[in-house]
N, C-alpha and C. Protein backbone atom coordinates (compact mmCIF):
# COMPACT_ATOMS: atom_id res chain seq x y z
N MET A 1 1.00 -1.05 -0.08
CA MET A 1 -0.21 0.30 -0.22
C MET A 1 0.78 1.43 -0.02
N SER A 2 0.63 2.34 -1.12
CA SER A 2 1.66 3.40 -1.40
C SER A 2 1.33 4.51 -0.31
N ILE A 3 2.20 4.97 0.48
CA ILE A 3 1.96 6.35 1.05
C ILE A 3 1.67 7.41 0.28
N LEU A 4 0.51 8.21 -0.33
CA LEU A 4 0.41 9.51 -0.78
C LEU A 4 1.04 10.59 0.37
N PRO A 5 1.68 11.30 -0.41
CA PRO A 5 2.38 12.77 -0.30
C PRO A 5 1.18 14.02 0.21
N PRO A 6 1.15 14.43 1.26
CA PRO A 6 0.85 15.25 1.69
C PRO A 6 -0.02 16.13 0.70
N THR A 7 -1.31 16.29 0.53
CA THR A 7 -1.45 17.69 0.06
C THR A 7 -0.89 19.14 -0.25
N PRO A 8 -1.29 19.90 -0.56
CA PRO A 8 -0.24 21.12 -0.51
C PRO A 8 -1.35 21.74 1.02
N GLN A 9 -2.82 21.71 0.77
CA GLN A 9 -3.38 22.17 1.98
C GLN A 9 -3.21 21.65 3.41
N GLN A 10 -3.06 20.22 3.10
CA GLN A 10 -2.47 19.66 4.77
C GLN A 10 -0.85 19.82 4.84
N SER A 11 -0.18 20.26 3.96
CA SER A 11 1.06 21.22 4.22
C SER A 11 1.16 21.95 5.25
N GLN A 12 -0.04 23.21 4.07
CA GLN A 12 -0.11 24.29 5.50
C GLN A 12 -0.98 24.08 5.99
N THR A 13 -1.13 23.27 6.81
CA THR A 13 -1.87 23.02 8.10
C THR A 13 -1.26 22.70 9.06
N GLN A 14 -0.38 22.02 8.64
CA GLN A 14 0.47 21.16 9.42
C GLN A 14 1.59 22.38 9.83
N ARG A 15 1.84 23.14 8.71
CA ARG A 15 2.76 24.23 9.14
C ARG A 15 2.79 25.27 9.80
N SER A 16 1.19 25.48 10.34
CA SER A 16 0.36 26.55 10.69
C SER A 16 0.54 25.80 12.28
N GLN A 17 0.47 24.53 11.92
CA GLN A 17 0.21 24.08 13.41
C GLN A 17 1.23 24.21 14.21
N THR A 18 2.77 23.35 13.29
CA THR A 18 3.95 23.82 14.33
C THR A 18 4.45 25.54 14.97
N GLN A 19 3.73 26.23 13.67
CA GLN A 19 3.88 27.56 14.01
C GLN A 19 3.19 27.98 15.35
N ARG A 20 2.17 27.91 15.62
CA ARG A 20 1.58 27.89 16.80
C ARG A 20 2.14 27.04 17.86
N SER A 21 2.62 26.37 17.54
CA SER A 21 3.51 25.58 19.15
C SER A 21 4.58 26.08 19.40
N GLN A 22 5.06 26.85 18.81
CA GLN A 22 6.05 27.42 18.68
C GLN A 22 6.05 29.00 19.00
N ILE A 23 4.93 29.71 19.36
CA ILE A 23 4.98 30.83 19.60
C ILE A 23 4.52 30.73 21.22
N ILE A 24 5.45 31.80 22.01
CA ILE A 24 5.73 31.78 23.74
C ILE A 24 4.38 32.91 23.65
N THR A 25 3.59 32.71 24.69
CA THR A 25 2.65 33.77 24.80
C THR A 25 3.23 34.54 25.99
N PRO A 26 2.38 35.80 26.25
CA PRO A 26 3.24 36.54 27.16
C PRO A 26 3.11 36.03 28.96
N LEU A 27 2.07 35.09 28.93
CA LEU A 27 2.21 33.98 30.15
C LEU A 27 3.56 33.80 30.63
N GLU A 28 3.68 32.76 29.53
CA GLU A 28 4.66 31.77 29.49
C GLU A 28 6.09 32.31 29.50
N ARG A 29 5.92 33.29 28.58
CA ARG A 29 7.20 34.43 28.84
C ARG A 29 7.49 34.98 30.22
N LEU A 30 6.71 35.46 31.25
CA LEU A 30 6.55 35.87 32.51
C LEU A 30 7.10 34.76 32.88
N ARG A 31 6.55 33.72 32.63
CA ARG A 31 6.92 32.61 33.79
C ARG A 31 8.17 31.87 33.68
N LYS A 32 9.01 32.11 32.13
CA LYS A 32 10.00 31.95 32.48
C LYS A 32 10.67 33.49 32.79
N LEU A 33 10.51 34.32 33.08
CA LEU A 33 11.43 35.58 33.81
C LEU A 33 11.25 35.55 34.83
N LEU A 34 10.59 35.03 35.65
CA LEU A 34 10.09 34.85 37.15
C LEU A 34 9.49 33.85 37.21
N PRO A 35 10.04 32.65 37.66
CA PRO A 35 9.75 31.61 37.68
C PRO A 35 9.13 31.59 39.25
N ASP A 36 9.83 32.15 40.46
CA ASP A 36 9.11 32.24 41.81
C ASP A 36 8.28 32.69 41.97
N LEU A 37 7.68 33.45 40.71
CA LEU A 37 6.43 34.22 40.88
C LEU A 37 5.06 33.28 41.00
N PHE A 38 5.46 31.94 39.95
CA PHE A 38 4.16 30.98 39.64
C PHE A 38 4.98 29.57 40.61
N GLU A 39 6.13 29.27 41.01
CA GLU A 39 6.25 28.25 41.71
C GLU A 39 7.75 28.68 42.82
N PRO A 40 6.40 29.51 44.05
CA PRO A 40 7.46 30.08 44.52
C PRO A 40 7.98 29.40 45.62
N THR A 41 9.31 29.63 45.72
CA THR A 41 10.09 28.69 47.04
C THR A 41 9.81 28.90 48.67
N GLN A 42 9.43 27.76 49.13
CA GLN A 42 9.62 28.22 50.60
C GLN A 42 10.92 29.47 51.21
N GLN A 43 10.58 30.38 52.12
CA GLN A 43 11.45 31.25 52.39
C GLN A 43 12.06 30.91 53.86
N SER A 44 12.83 31.02 54.50
CA SER A 44 13.13 30.48 56.05
C SER A 44 13.14 32.17 56.87
N GLY A 45 13.32 32.42 57.60
CA GLY A 45 13.05 33.47 58.39
C GLY A 45 12.27 34.32 58.75
N GLU A 46 12.14 35.39 59.63
CA GLU A 46 11.01 36.13 59.91
C GLU A 46 10.96 37.52 59.75
N LEU A 47 9.55 37.65 59.15
CA LEU A 47 9.35 39.23 58.27
C LEU A 47 8.98 40.10 59.30
N LEU A 48 9.75 40.76 58.85
CA LEU A 48 9.58 42.36 59.48
C LEU A 48 9.54 43.62 58.69
N LEU A 49 8.62 44.59 59.28
CA LEU A 49 8.17 45.50 59.18
C LEU A 49 9.01 46.91 59.45
N ARG A 50 9.42 47.80 58.24
CA ARG A 50 10.59 48.57 58.43
C ARG A 50 10.39 49.69 58.49
N PHE A 51 10.63 50.44 59.75
CA PHE A 51 10.61 51.73 59.72
C PHE A 51 11.41 52.97 60.07
N GLN A 52 10.74 54.10 60.63
CA GLN A 52 12.12 55.09 60.51
C GLN A 52 11.61 56.11 61.67
N LEU A 53 12.19 56.13 62.72
CA LEU A 53 11.95 57.28 63.91
C LEU A 53 13.09 58.16 63.79
N GLY A 54 12.64 59.11 63.67
CA GLY A 54 13.43 60.72 63.38
C GLY A 54 14.42 60.32 62.70
N ALA A 55 15.61 61.09 62.30
CA ALA A 55 16.97 61.30 61.59
C ALA A 55 17.63 59.43 61.26
N THR A 56 18.05 58.91 62.31
CA THR A 56 18.82 58.11 62.47
C THR A 56 18.26 56.73 62.72
N LEU A 57 17.43 56.53 63.84
CA LEU A 57 16.81 55.58 63.85
C LEU A 57 15.86 54.62 63.48
N GLN A 58 16.42 53.24 62.87
CA GLN A 58 15.41 52.61 62.04
C GLN A 58 15.64 51.44 62.74
N ALA A 59 14.45 51.48 62.72
CA ALA A 59 13.86 49.94 63.70
C ALA A 59 12.73 49.09 62.38
N ALA A 60 12.42 47.96 63.42
CA ALA A 60 11.26 47.24 62.82
C ALA A 60 10.29 46.39 64.14
N ILE A 61 9.63 45.88 63.58
CA ILE A 61 8.48 44.63 64.16
C ILE A 61 8.30 43.76 63.99
N SER A 62 8.02 42.77 64.35
CA SER A 62 7.31 41.28 63.37
C SER A 62 6.16 41.73 63.10
N LEU A 63 5.91 41.49 61.67
CA LEU A 63 5.14 41.61 60.61
C LEU A 63 3.62 40.76 61.48
N GLU A 64 4.06 39.63 62.07
CA GLU A 64 2.99 38.79 62.58
C GLU A 64 2.01 39.62 63.61
N ARG A 65 2.56 40.63 64.49
CA ARG A 65 1.66 41.33 64.79
C ARG A 65 1.03 42.72 64.18
N VAL A 66 1.38 42.97 63.15
CA VAL A 66 0.78 44.08 62.59
C VAL A 66 -0.75 43.30 61.57
N VAL A 67 -1.39 44.52 61.63
CA VAL A 67 -2.92 44.61 61.26
C VAL A 67 -2.67 45.37 60.21
N GLU A 68 -2.02 46.06 59.50
CA GLU A 68 -2.08 47.12 58.49
C GLU A 68 -1.10 48.37 58.75
N ALA A 69 -0.57 49.04 57.60
CA ALA A 69 0.45 50.02 57.68
C ALA A 69 -0.36 51.15 56.92
N ILE A 70 -0.67 52.53 56.76
CA ILE A 70 -1.34 53.41 56.50
C ILE A 70 -1.25 54.83 56.68
N GLN A 71 -1.13 55.59 55.90
CA GLN A 71 -1.36 57.28 56.17
C GLN A 71 -2.74 57.29 56.31
N ILE A 72 -2.79 58.51 57.32
CA ILE A 72 -4.23 59.39 57.75
C ILE A 72 -3.82 60.32 57.74
N PRO A 73 -5.20 61.39 56.86
CA PRO A 73 -4.97 62.77 57.57
C PRO A 73 -4.74 63.37 59.16
N VAL A 74 -4.00 64.22 59.29
CA VAL A 74 -3.42 64.32 61.20
C VAL A 74 -5.11 64.22 61.55
N SER A 75 -6.21 65.20 60.91
CA SER A 75 -7.26 65.53 61.35
C SER A 75 -7.80 64.28 61.42
N SER A 76 -7.40 63.31 61.12
CA SER A 76 -8.45 61.60 61.46
C SER A 76 -7.92 61.35 63.14
N VAL A 77 -7.13 62.14 64.14
CA VAL A 77 -6.86 61.55 64.73
C VAL A 77 -7.63 62.48 66.13
N THR A 78 -8.42 62.01 67.03
CA THR A 78 -9.18 62.89 67.32
C THR A 78 -8.52 63.21 68.94
N PRO A 79 -7.88 64.76 69.12
CA PRO A 79 -7.33 64.46 70.73
C PRO A 79 -7.98 64.64 71.95
N ILE A 80 -7.81 63.70 72.89
CA ILE A 80 -8.82 63.74 74.06
C ILE A 80 -7.78 64.03 75.05
N PRO A 81 -8.42 65.16 76.02
CA PRO A 81 -7.90 65.80 76.79
C PRO A 81 -7.60 64.97 78.16
N ASN A 82 -6.19 65.30 78.85
CA ASN A 82 -5.64 64.82 79.97
C ASN A 82 -5.76 63.54 79.89
N MET A 83 -4.69 63.18 78.75
CA MET A 83 -4.36 61.84 78.25
C MET A 83 -2.59 61.91 78.46
N PRO A 84 -1.78 60.79 78.75
CA PRO A 84 -0.49 60.94 78.50
C PRO A 84 0.03 61.75 77.67
N PRO A 85 1.36 62.08 77.10
CA PRO A 85 2.22 62.63 76.31
C PRO A 85 1.99 62.10 75.23
N ALA A 86 1.96 60.87 74.82
CA ALA A 86 2.42 59.84 74.10
C ALA A 86 1.19 59.48 73.04
N THR A 87 -0.33 59.84 73.84
CA THR A 87 -1.61 59.49 73.24
C THR A 87 -1.74 60.84 72.64
N LEU A 88 -1.81 60.53 71.10
CA LEU A 88 -2.41 61.60 70.18
C LEU A 88 -3.52 61.62 70.09
N GLY A 89 -4.58 60.45 70.40
CA GLY A 89 -6.13 60.77 70.54
C GLY A 89 -6.79 59.11 69.69
N LEU A 90 -7.90 59.11 69.51
CA LEU A 90 -8.55 58.36 69.02
C LEU A 90 -8.76 58.48 67.18
N MET A 91 -8.39 57.24 66.83
CA MET A 91 -8.63 57.05 65.58
C MET A 91 -9.45 56.27 65.03
N SER A 92 -9.61 55.66 64.29
CA SER A 92 -10.95 54.46 63.23
C SER A 92 -10.24 53.97 61.93
N ALA A 93 -10.42 52.53 61.98
CA ALA A 93 -9.94 51.77 61.07
C ALA A 93 -10.45 50.61 61.07
N LYS A 94 -10.30 49.61 60.30
CA LYS A 94 -11.16 48.37 60.22
C LYS A 94 -12.41 48.20 61.37
N GLY A 95 -13.09 49.29 60.73
CA GLY A 95 -14.46 49.63 61.89
C GLY A 95 -14.29 49.31 63.24
N LYS A 96 -13.15 50.14 63.71
CA LYS A 96 -13.04 50.01 65.22
C LYS A 96 -12.44 51.21 65.40
N ILE A 97 -12.85 51.96 66.82
CA ILE A 97 -11.95 52.79 67.15
C ILE A 97 -10.91 52.38 68.49
N PHE A 98 -9.82 53.15 68.04
CA PHE A 98 -8.77 52.72 69.27
C PHE A 98 -7.38 54.07 69.22
N TRP A 99 -6.78 54.12 70.29
CA TRP A 99 -6.27 54.73 70.44
C TRP A 99 -4.77 55.27 69.71
N ALA A 100 -4.20 56.02 69.09
CA ALA A 100 -2.81 56.29 68.33
C ALA A 100 -2.33 57.25 69.27
N VAL A 101 -0.99 56.82 69.05
CA VAL A 101 0.42 57.13 69.96
C VAL A 101 1.48 57.05 69.01
N ASP A 102 2.24 58.25 70.01
CA ASP A 102 3.42 58.44 68.93
C ASP A 102 4.50 57.77 69.91
N LEU A 103 5.00 56.88 68.61
CA LEU A 103 5.99 55.65 69.27
C LEU A 103 7.10 56.06 69.65
N ALA A 104 8.00 57.33 69.33
CA ALA A 104 9.14 58.00 69.60
C ALA A 104 8.74 58.42 70.84
N GLN A 105 7.90 59.28 71.52
CA GLN A 105 7.58 59.66 72.71
C GLN A 105 7.54 58.72 73.32
N LEU A 106 6.95 57.50 72.99
CA LEU A 106 6.13 56.57 73.53
C LEU A 106 7.30 55.72 74.43
N LEU A 107 8.55 55.70 73.52
CA LEU A 107 9.93 55.03 73.85
C LEU A 107 10.69 56.05 74.32
N THR A 108 10.25 57.38 75.23
CA THR A 108 11.08 58.09 75.51
C THR A 108 12.28 58.72 74.68
N LEU A 109 12.76 58.79 73.44
CA LEU A 109 13.76 59.25 72.70
C LEU A 109 13.67 60.81 73.63
N SER A 110 15.27 61.32 72.95
CA SER A 110 15.96 62.24 73.60
C SER A 110 14.86 63.09 72.78
N VAL A 111 14.31 64.56 73.14
CA VAL A 111 13.23 65.47 72.73
C VAL A 111 13.81 66.02 71.24
N PRO A 112 15.20 66.05 70.82
CA PRO A 112 15.67 66.67 68.96
C PRO A 112 14.91 65.43 68.20
N GLN A 113 15.34 64.28 68.85
CA GLN A 113 15.06 62.50 67.99
C GLN A 113 13.42 62.84 67.75
N ARG A 114 12.35 63.34 68.85
CA ARG A 114 11.35 63.28 68.79
C ARG A 114 10.83 64.17 68.01
N GLN A 115 11.10 65.29 68.32
CA GLN A 115 10.66 66.73 67.41
C GLN A 115 10.37 66.14 66.12
N LEU A 116 11.80 65.83 65.93
CA LEU A 116 11.93 65.40 64.23
C LEU A 116 11.33 64.42 63.71
N ALA A 117 10.93 63.26 64.84
CA ALA A 117 10.14 62.38 63.96
C ALA A 117 8.41 62.75 64.24
N SER A 118 7.99 63.52 64.84
CA SER A 118 6.85 64.50 64.88
C SER A 118 6.98 65.09 63.41
N SER A 119 7.79 65.89 63.26
CA SER A 119 7.90 67.05 62.35
C SER A 119 7.71 65.91 60.77
N MET A 120 8.29 64.63 61.13
CA MET A 120 8.58 63.56 59.60
C MET A 120 6.94 63.29 59.60
N ALA A 121 6.63 62.58 60.85
CA ALA A 121 5.07 61.76 60.39
C ALA A 121 4.12 62.64 60.37
N SER A 122 4.35 64.19 60.24
CA SER A 122 3.38 64.76 60.06
C SER A 122 3.92 65.81 58.97
N SER A 123 4.25 65.40 58.02
CA SER A 123 4.72 65.94 56.78
C SER A 123 4.14 66.49 55.95
N SER A 124 4.08 67.00 55.10
CA SER A 124 3.03 67.97 54.23
C SER A 124 3.07 66.99 52.90
N SER A 125 2.10 66.65 52.53
CA SER A 125 1.33 65.82 51.21
C SER A 125 0.02 65.81 50.53
N GLY A 126 0.51 66.74 49.38
CA GLY A 126 -0.62 66.91 48.79
C GLY A 126 -1.50 68.63 49.28
N GLY A 127 -0.70 69.13 50.37
CA GLY A 127 -1.26 69.85 51.08
C GLY A 127 -1.87 69.77 52.14
N SER A 128 -1.81 68.84 52.24
CA SER A 128 -2.08 67.59 53.80
C SER A 128 -1.23 67.14 54.56
N ARG A 129 -1.45 67.08 56.18
CA ARG A 129 -0.31 66.67 56.48
C ARG A 129 -1.12 65.11 56.82
N ARG A 130 -0.35 64.24 57.41
CA ARG A 130 -0.73 62.95 57.53
C ARG A 130 0.35 62.04 58.52
N HIS A 131 -0.35 61.46 59.12
CA HIS A 131 0.46 60.55 59.91
C HIS A 131 0.79 59.38 59.04
N GLU A 132 2.22 58.37 59.47
CA GLU A 132 2.23 57.57 58.88
C GLU A 132 1.89 56.29 60.38
N VAL A 133 1.40 55.13 60.14
CA VAL A 133 0.43 54.51 61.49
C VAL A 133 0.78 53.07 60.65
N ILE A 134 1.36 52.39 62.04
CA ILE A 134 1.46 51.07 61.89
C ILE A 134 0.29 50.65 63.18
N ILE A 135 -0.83 49.86 62.86
CA ILE A 135 -1.61 49.08 63.14
C ILE A 135 -1.35 47.80 63.67
N ILE A 136 -1.29 48.20 65.24
CA ILE A 136 -1.19 46.26 65.93
C ILE A 136 -2.05 46.01 66.55
N GLN A 137 -1.99 44.96 66.71
CA GLN A 137 -2.87 44.16 67.65
C GLN A 137 -2.40 44.31 69.04
N SER A 138 -3.59 44.76 69.97
CA SER A 138 -2.51 45.06 71.45
C SER A 138 -3.53 44.09 72.49
N LEU A 139 -4.24 43.01 72.11
CA LEU A 139 -4.64 42.10 72.92
C LEU A 139 -4.61 40.54 72.63
N ALA A 140 -4.88 39.73 72.58
CA ALA A 140 -5.25 38.06 71.97
C ALA A 140 -6.54 38.36 71.11
N LEU A 141 -6.40 37.34 70.10
CA LEU A 141 -7.69 37.84 69.43
C LEU A 141 -9.14 36.96 70.11
N GLN A 142 -9.33 37.60 70.96
CA GLN A 142 -10.74 36.41 72.06
C GLN A 142 -12.02 37.03 71.95
N ASN A 143 -11.95 38.75 71.62
CA ASN A 143 -13.46 39.12 71.73
C ASN A 143 -13.03 40.16 70.71
N ALA A 144 -13.71 39.91 69.27
CA ALA A 144 -13.87 41.20 68.22
C ALA A 144 -14.52 42.09 68.24
N SER A 145 -15.31 42.68 69.08
CA SER A 145 -15.62 43.45 69.51
C SER A 145 -14.93 44.43 70.12
N ASP A 146 -13.89 44.21 70.61
CA ASP A 146 -13.55 45.01 71.65
C ASP A 146 -12.28 45.89 71.36
N THR A 147 -12.82 47.26 71.47
CA THR A 147 -12.15 48.14 70.56
C THR A 147 -11.14 48.42 71.26
N SER A 148 -10.22 47.65 71.97
CA SER A 148 -9.19 47.91 72.72
C SER A 148 -8.05 46.59 72.00
N LEU A 149 -8.40 46.33 70.75
CA LEU A 149 -8.19 44.88 70.38
C LEU A 149 -6.60 45.42 69.81
N LEU A 150 -6.85 47.09 68.63
CA LEU A 150 -5.88 47.53 68.13
C LEU A 150 -5.66 48.39 68.81
N LEU A 151 -3.98 49.09 68.42
CA LEU A 151 -3.35 50.39 68.79
C LEU A 151 -2.53 50.97 67.21
N GLY A 152 -2.80 52.27 67.41
CA GLY A 152 -1.72 52.70 65.92
C GLY A 152 -0.42 53.25 66.41
N LEU A 153 0.84 52.71 65.77
CA LEU A 153 2.05 53.43 66.29
C LEU A 153 1.84 54.36 64.99
N VAL A 154 1.96 56.05 65.48
CA VAL A 154 3.00 56.49 64.72
C VAL A 154 4.23 57.03 64.60
N VAL A 155 4.43 56.73 63.13
CA VAL A 155 6.11 56.24 62.78
C VAL A 155 6.50 58.07 62.29
N SER A 156 7.34 58.19 62.11
CA SER A 156 8.42 58.72 61.58
C SER A 156 8.07 58.38 59.43
N GLN A 157 8.58 57.32 59.42
CA GLN A 157 8.36 56.51 58.34
C GLN A 157 8.42 55.48 57.80
N ILE A 158 7.30 55.05 57.29
CA ILE A 158 7.39 53.31 57.08
C ILE A 158 7.57 52.99 55.73
N ARG A 159 9.04 51.87 55.91
CA ARG A 159 10.10 51.47 55.09
C ARG A 159 10.12 50.11 54.37
N GLY A 160 8.86 49.40 54.65
CA GLY A 160 8.89 48.44 54.03
C GLY A 160 9.04 47.14 54.85
N THR A 161 9.13 45.80 53.94
CA THR A 161 8.85 44.84 54.94
C THR A 161 10.57 44.21 54.69
N LEU A 162 10.74 43.48 55.31
CA LEU A 162 11.85 42.67 55.21
C LEU A 162 12.42 41.04 55.73
N ARG A 163 12.74 40.05 54.85
CA ARG A 163 12.58 39.07 55.94
C ARG A 163 14.16 38.67 56.34
N VAL A 164 14.43 38.09 58.00
CA VAL A 164 15.75 38.23 58.19
C VAL A 164 16.01 36.80 58.35
N ASP A 165 17.36 36.37 58.51
CA ASP A 165 17.66 34.91 59.32
C ASP A 165 17.76 35.00 60.71
N SER A 166 17.19 33.92 61.29
CA SER A 166 17.32 34.28 62.80
C SER A 166 18.94 34.25 63.48
N ALA A 167 19.48 33.67 62.58
CA ALA A 167 21.00 33.77 63.00
C ALA A 167 21.54 35.20 62.80
N ALA A 168 21.69 36.16 61.88
CA ALA A 168 21.46 37.11 61.79
C ALA A 168 21.23 38.32 62.59
N ILE A 169 20.25 37.84 63.37
CA ILE A 169 20.01 38.88 64.47
C ILE A 169 21.07 38.55 66.01
N ALA A 170 21.49 39.99 66.48
CA ALA A 170 22.35 39.47 67.89
C ALA A 170 21.74 40.98 68.42
N TYR A 171 22.31 40.61 69.92
CA TYR A 171 21.74 41.08 71.13
C TYR A 171 22.13 42.82 70.88
N PRO A 172 21.54 43.57 71.16
CA PRO A 172 21.53 45.17 71.38
C PRO A 172 22.74 45.25 72.06
N ASP A 173 23.82 45.98 71.05
CA ASP A 173 24.91 46.75 71.35
C ASP A 173 24.78 48.06 72.65
N HIS A 174 26.02 48.25 72.93
CA HIS A 174 26.05 49.25 74.48
C HIS A 174 25.89 51.09 73.42
N GLU A 175 25.46 51.19 72.33
CA GLU A 175 25.20 51.93 71.23
C GLU A 175 23.73 52.35 71.88
N VAL A 176 22.65 51.22 72.60
CA VAL A 176 21.58 51.62 72.99
C VAL A 176 20.91 52.30 73.84
N SER A 177 20.47 53.38 73.74
CA SER A 177 20.21 54.45 75.10
C SER A 177 19.61 53.79 76.35
N PRO A 178 19.95 53.64 76.93
CA PRO A 178 19.09 53.19 78.62
C PRO A 178 17.70 53.44 78.50
N GLU A 179 17.20 54.40 78.09
CA GLU A 179 15.47 54.74 77.72
C GLU A 179 15.12 53.87 76.67
N LEU A 180 15.46 53.30 75.50
CA LEU A 180 15.22 52.47 74.31
C LEU A 180 15.56 51.04 74.93
N LYS A 181 16.50 50.74 75.39
CA LYS A 181 16.73 49.46 75.81
C LYS A 181 15.59 48.34 76.16
N PRO A 182 15.12 48.84 76.84
CA PRO A 182 14.14 47.94 77.30
C PRO A 182 12.97 47.23 76.45
N PHE A 183 12.93 48.11 75.06
CA PHE A 183 12.72 47.73 74.17
C PHE A 183 12.63 47.02 72.74
N VAL A 184 14.30 47.17 73.02
CA VAL A 184 14.98 46.47 71.73
C VAL A 184 15.17 44.73 72.39
N GLN A 185 14.73 43.88 71.22
CA GLN A 185 14.86 42.46 71.69
C GLN A 185 16.02 41.95 70.75
N GLY A 186 16.61 43.06 69.31
CA GLY A 186 17.45 42.43 68.99
C GLY A 186 17.84 43.42 67.90
N GLN A 187 19.00 43.61 67.19
CA GLN A 187 19.49 43.96 66.04
C GLN A 187 19.82 43.72 64.78
N ILE A 188 19.72 44.02 63.66
CA ILE A 188 20.77 43.53 62.36
C ILE A 188 21.61 44.43 61.54
N SER A 189 22.60 43.94 61.28
CA SER A 189 23.51 45.51 60.88
C SER A 189 23.25 44.95 59.20
N GLN A 190 22.97 46.33 58.68
CA GLN A 190 22.52 46.65 56.89
C GLN A 190 23.61 47.49 56.81
N GLY A 191 24.73 47.07 56.11
CA GLY A 191 25.58 47.88 55.66
C GLY A 191 25.97 48.78 56.46
N GLU A 192 26.00 50.35 56.59
CA GLU A 192 26.55 50.93 57.78
C GLU A 192 25.33 51.51 58.61
N GLU A 193 24.32 51.04 58.47
CA GLU A 193 22.83 50.89 59.29
C GLU A 193 22.39 49.98 60.34
N THR A 194 22.19 50.23 61.36
CA THR A 194 21.63 49.38 62.72
C THR A 194 20.50 49.23 62.47
N LEU A 195 19.61 47.72 62.41
CA LEU A 195 18.47 48.02 62.28
C LEU A 195 17.68 47.56 64.19
N ARG A 196 17.06 48.21 64.47
CA ARG A 196 16.72 47.48 65.95
C ARG A 196 15.39 47.21 65.57
N ILE A 197 15.24 46.10 66.23
CA ILE A 197 14.09 45.33 66.64
C ILE A 197 13.16 45.17 67.39
N LEU A 198 12.03 45.66 67.87
CA LEU A 198 11.64 46.20 68.91
C LEU A 198 10.28 44.92 69.13
N SER A 199 10.39 44.94 70.61
CA SER A 199 9.31 44.07 71.02
C SER A 199 7.84 44.69 71.18
N VAL A 200 6.81 44.03 70.43
CA VAL A 200 5.54 44.94 70.63
C VAL A 200 5.11 44.78 71.81
N ASP A 201 5.66 43.09 72.22
CA ASP A 201 4.70 43.62 74.11
C ASP A 201 5.46 44.17 74.71
N ALA A 202 6.87 44.68 74.80
CA ALA A 202 7.27 45.65 75.37
C ALA A 202 6.76 47.12 75.26
N ILE A 203 6.60 47.31 74.07
CA ILE A 203 5.72 48.92 73.54
C ILE A 203 4.49 48.44 73.98
N LEU A 204 3.61 47.85 74.26
CA LEU A 204 2.27 47.92 74.64
C LEU A 204 2.25 47.66 76.37
N ASN A 205 3.29 47.44 76.82
CA ASN A 205 3.52 47.40 78.31
C ASN A 205 4.49 48.90 78.58
N ALA A 206 4.56 49.40 77.99
CA ALA A 206 5.51 50.80 78.17
C ALA A 206 4.65 51.82 79.16
N PRO A 207 5.20 52.37 79.79
CA PRO A 207 4.93 53.10 80.88
C PRO A 207 3.91 54.21 80.53
N GLY A 208 4.69 54.62 79.19
CA GLY A 208 3.25 56.45 78.87
C GLY A 208 2.36 55.76 78.16
N LEU A 209 2.06 54.53 77.91
CA LEU A 209 0.92 54.24 77.19
C LEU A 209 -0.30 54.39 77.81
N VAL A 210 -1.25 55.03 77.08
CA VAL A 210 -2.62 55.01 77.73
C VAL A 210 -3.00 53.16 78.16
N ALA A 211 -3.82 53.59 79.24
CA ALA A 211 -4.26 52.21 79.66
C ALA A 211 -5.77 51.91 78.48
N SER A 212 -5.48 50.85 77.78
CA SER A 212 -6.77 50.78 77.24
C SER A 212 -7.81 49.74 77.55
């Protein structure tokens, strides 16, 4: 039985199918360029939220305790009379009302550092003064209706997240001020910068924190 050669129409169909099989779609091209995006590898280490207090203090807290990091107008914080100096007032987010505190002042940083932190946190943006706020969990998730569940930490600048290996975390050195030392649980070096890792629990138990 003889095998007939393909007709011109069959040859054209076969060539078209071959060409289509060789075309790389945008999705396939992206998959080749960023394989980790489609097949992420499990990463080790702790995720931290990094932020700045004043001109020189770089700090971070565990991302596990962070609910949200936001910018809000200064006018969104309602001052309450006869509160501790670090307490800026009441704010709302996530359908709840809770306290906003000046973290630099709560940590009893030096006056120049604190004033600069306040100035940076309330810097002009589009004509309106804004606070950069890290919202943390202040209680265990036991009662969803409890308005003391959240606490807003007003900082100078939120600088994003980073992942650090536990082996890279060192004990606080002698350069940590006595006032700040109770709040620092570790530190890491990043080039010429030292990042202080703050304890959320220590912050929540700070003497200057308004009773929730």
